[in-house]
Amino acid sequence: MILFLVGYAGSGKSSLAKRLSRELGVTQLDTDKLVEQHEGASIADIFFYQGEEYFRRAERDVIEELVLSGYDGIVATGGGLPTWGDNMSRLNEVGYTVYLKRSPEQILSRLSVYGRERRPMFRGKSDEELLSFMHEQLGQREQYYSKAKLIVDCNTMSDDEVVKYIVNSLKR
């Protein structure tokens, strides 16, 4: 089974995928890293030189490759992946989706300087501008994320509690 973690940028998909992989004894992958490896370029460069459409097709190709390979483990998806085309439906078809739901305020409090800089859409924004941007984007993306098979309100839990909650939900 593939366990797909979905949610907004900075919601903890990559870090929680690592924790879950240790807890469950399975491997974990990150779609952003896989796209960068396949394309031989950073996501920022792919967006700049090839455009978003190209990047989103590359993300979908990565998902299809994982499915065809019979991959069994955890996949941290890019924040926009579930919002493109029928990607969220496809993720639900081929795996178990978990939405890591966090408020923009909590995401902002979790972001390091590096975390902000490595995400082009966050660069150069003041805290107020970034919060406004995140509220707007999350409002648009919620309709996709909320189609996940499991929704975890991470605002009230530590990361350890989130991992425990997901593991216990999988056992049911």
Protein backbone atom coordinates (compact mmCIF):
# COMPACT_ATOMS: atom_id res chain seq x y z
CA MET A 1 0.00 0.00 0.00
CA ILE A 2 1.11 3.54 -0.67
CA LEU A 3 0.38 6.04 2.09
CA PHE A 4 0.19 9.53 0.55
CA LEU A 5 0.63 12.53 2.83
CA VAL A 6 -1.08 15.62 1.44
CA GLY A 7 -1.34 19.17 2.72
CA TYR A 8 -0.06 22.66 2.32
CA ALA A 9 3.63 23.55 1.99
CA GLY A 10 5.21 23.53 5.42
CA SER A 11 2.52 21.34 7.00
CA GLY A 12 5.08 18.66 7.87
CA LYS A 13 4.59 16.11 5.09
CA SER A 14 8.29 15.37 4.59
CA SER A 15 9.27 15.34 8.26
CA LEU A 16 6.26 13.24 9.27
CA ALA A 17 6.90 10.82 6.38
CA LYS A 18 10.34 10.14 7.87
CA ARG A 19 8.88 9.54 11.34
CA LEU A 20 6.10 7.33 9.97
CA SER A 21 8.56 5.28 7.92
CA ARG A 22 10.58 4.52 11.06
CA GLU A 23 7.44 3.70 13.05
CA LEU A 24 5.95 1.45 10.35
CA GLY A 25 9.23 -0.04 9.10
CA VAL A 26 8.69 1.03 5.49
CA THR A 27 10.52 3.34 3.11
CA GLN A 28 9.49 6.90 2.42
CA LEU A 29 9.80 9.06 -0.67
CA ASP A 30 9.12 12.69 -1.52
CA THR A 31 7.56 13.63 -4.88
CA ASP A 32 9.43 16.95 -5.02
CA LYS A 33 12.79 15.17 -4.64
CA LEU A 34 11.81 12.52 -7.17
CA VAL A 35 10.84 15.16 -9.75
CA GLU A 36 14.13 16.98 -9.17
CA GLN A 37 16.05 13.71 -9.64
CA HIS A 38 14.17 12.79 -12.82
CA GLU A 39 14.50 16.27 -14.32
CA GLY A 40 18.03 16.99 -13.12
CA ALA A 41 16.92 20.43 -11.94
CA SER A 42 15.47 22.13 -8.89
CA ILE A 43 11.74 22.75 -8.67
CA ALA A 44 12.38 26.49 -8.85
CA ASP A 45 14.32 26.02 -12.10
CA ILE A 46 11.67 23.71 -13.55
CA PHE A 47 8.99 26.33 -12.83
CA PHE A 48 11.15 29.12 -14.26
CA TYR A 49 12.32 27.39 -17.44
CA GLN A 50 9.55 24.88 -18.18
CA GLY A 51 6.51 26.31 -16.40
CA GLU A 52 4.00 24.99 -13.91
CA GLU A 53 2.15 22.79 -16.41
CA TYR A 54 5.35 20.89 -17.18
CA PHE A 55 6.13 20.50 -13.47
CA ARG A 56 2.63 19.20 -12.68
CA ARG A 57 2.88 16.60 -15.47
CA ALA A 58 6.24 15.52 -14.06
CA GLU A 59 4.64 15.12 -10.61
CA ARG A 60 1.88 12.95 -12.08
CA ASP A 61 4.46 10.87 -13.96
CA VAL A 62 6.25 10.21 -10.66
CA ILE A 63 3.00 9.00 -9.07
CA GLU A 64 2.29 6.68 -12.00
CA GLU A 65 5.83 5.28 -11.89
CA LEU A 66 5.46 4.50 -8.18
CA VAL A 67 2.15 2.73 -8.79
CA LEU A 68 3.53 0.70 -11.72
CA SER A 69 6.60 -0.28 -9.71
CA GLY A 70 4.45 -1.73 -6.93
CA TYR A 71 5.97 0.68 -4.40
CA ASP A 72 4.87 -0.03 -0.84
CA GLY A 73 5.60 2.80 1.57
CA ILE A 74 5.00 6.44 2.38
CA VAL A 75 4.99 9.30 -0.10
CA ALA A 76 5.15 12.96 0.91
CA THR A 77 3.49 14.86 -1.94
CA GLY A 78 4.13 18.40 -3.04
CA GLY A 79 1.55 20.85 -1.67
CA GLY A 80 0.05 21.55 -5.09
CA LEU A 81 0.04 17.99 -6.42
CA PRO A 82 -3.47 17.08 -5.14
CA THR A 83 -4.94 20.25 -6.67
CA TRP A 84 -3.90 19.54 -10.26
CA GLY A 85 -6.28 17.77 -12.64
CA ASP A 86 -7.61 14.53 -11.18
CA ASN A 87 -4.54 13.90 -9.01
CA MET A 88 -6.44 13.71 -5.71
CA SER A 89 -8.86 11.16 -7.13
CA ARG A 90 -5.94 9.17 -8.51
CA LEU A 91 -4.13 9.21 -5.15
CA ASN A 92 -7.30 7.91 -3.46
CA GLU A 93 -7.63 5.20 -6.13
CA VAL A 94 -4.14 3.82 -5.76
CA GLY A 95 -3.36 4.44 -2.11
CA TYR A 96 -4.41 5.72 1.28
CA THR A 97 -4.41 9.53 1.57
CA VAL A 98 -3.83 11.48 4.77
CA TYR A 99 -4.43 15.24 4.90
CA LEU A 100 -2.15 16.96 7.41
CA LYS A 101 -4.35 19.93 8.20
CA ARG A 102 -2.69 22.96 9.76
CA SER A 103 -3.60 26.62 10.06
CA PRO A 104 -1.50 29.20 8.22
CA GLU A 105 -0.45 30.58 11.61
CA GLN A 106 0.90 27.22 12.73
CA ILE A 107 2.64 26.63 9.40
CA LEU A 108 4.31 30.03 9.65
CA SER A 109 5.47 29.30 13.20
CA ARG A 110 7.02 25.99 12.02
CA LEU A 111 8.90 27.46 9.05
CA SER A 112 12.61 28.09 9.42
CA VAL A 113 14.38 30.78 7.41
CA TYR A 114 15.62 27.97 5.13
CA GLY A 115 12.08 26.58 4.85
CA ARG A 116 10.84 29.94 3.63
CA GLU A 117 13.72 30.50 1.22
CA ARG A 118 13.53 27.10 -0.45
CA ARG A 119 9.87 27.64 -1.34
CA PRO A 120 9.72 30.21 -4.16
CA MET A 121 6.11 31.16 -3.42
CA PHE A 122 7.10 32.16 0.15
CA ARG A 123 10.25 34.13 -0.70
CA GLY A 124 10.39 37.87 -0.07
CA LYS A 125 7.09 38.06 1.82
CA SER A 126 6.72 39.62 5.25
CA ASP A 127 4.94 37.53 7.91
CA GLU A 128 1.70 39.45 7.28
CA GLU A 129 1.93 39.05 3.51
CA LEU A 130 2.74 35.36 3.86
CA LEU A 131 -0.18 34.74 6.23
CA SER A 132 -2.57 36.48 3.85
CA PHE A 133 -1.18 34.49 0.91
CA MET A 134 -1.47 31.19 2.79
CA HIS A 135 -5.05 31.90 3.94
CA GLU A 136 -6.04 32.60 0.33
CA GLN A 137 -4.28 29.58 -1.14
CA LEU A 138 -5.42 27.20 1.58
CA GLY A 139 -8.97 28.39 0.99
CA GLN A 140 -8.65 27.36 -2.66
CA ARG A 141 -6.89 24.06 -1.95
CA GLU A 142 -9.06 22.84 0.94
CA GLN A 143 -11.63 21.35 -1.46
CA TYR A 144 -8.94 18.98 -2.78
CA TYR A 145 -7.15 18.19 0.46
CA SER A 146 -10.43 17.44 2.25
CA LYS A 147 -11.07 14.50 -0.11
CA ALA A 148 -8.36 12.54 1.72
CA LYS A 149 -9.40 9.27 3.35
CA LEU A 150 -8.04 10.50 6.70
CA ILE A 151 -7.99 14.12 7.83
CA VAL A 152 -5.69 14.86 10.76
CA ASP A 153 -6.10 18.19 12.56
CA CYS A 154 -2.45 18.73 13.41
CA ASN A 155 -3.08 22.10 15.07
CA THR A 156 -3.79 20.52 18.44
CA MET A 157 -1.22 17.69 18.38
CA SER A 158 2.53 17.33 18.61
CA ASP A 159 4.25 15.58 15.72
CA ASP A 160 4.62 12.47 17.90
CA GLU A 161 0.87 12.49 18.55
CA VAL A 162 0.17 12.93 14.83
CA VAL A 163 2.31 9.88 14.02
CA LYS A 164 0.60 7.82 16.72
CA TYR A 165 -2.84 8.93 15.48
CA ILE A 166 -2.05 7.96 11.86
CA VAL A 167 -0.56 4.59 12.86
CA ASN A 168 -3.59 3.79 15.04
CA SER A 169 -5.96 4.83 12.23
CA LEU A 170 -4.17 2.50 9.81
CA LYS A 171 -4.58 -0.41 12.21
CA ARG A 172 -8.37 0.05 12.31
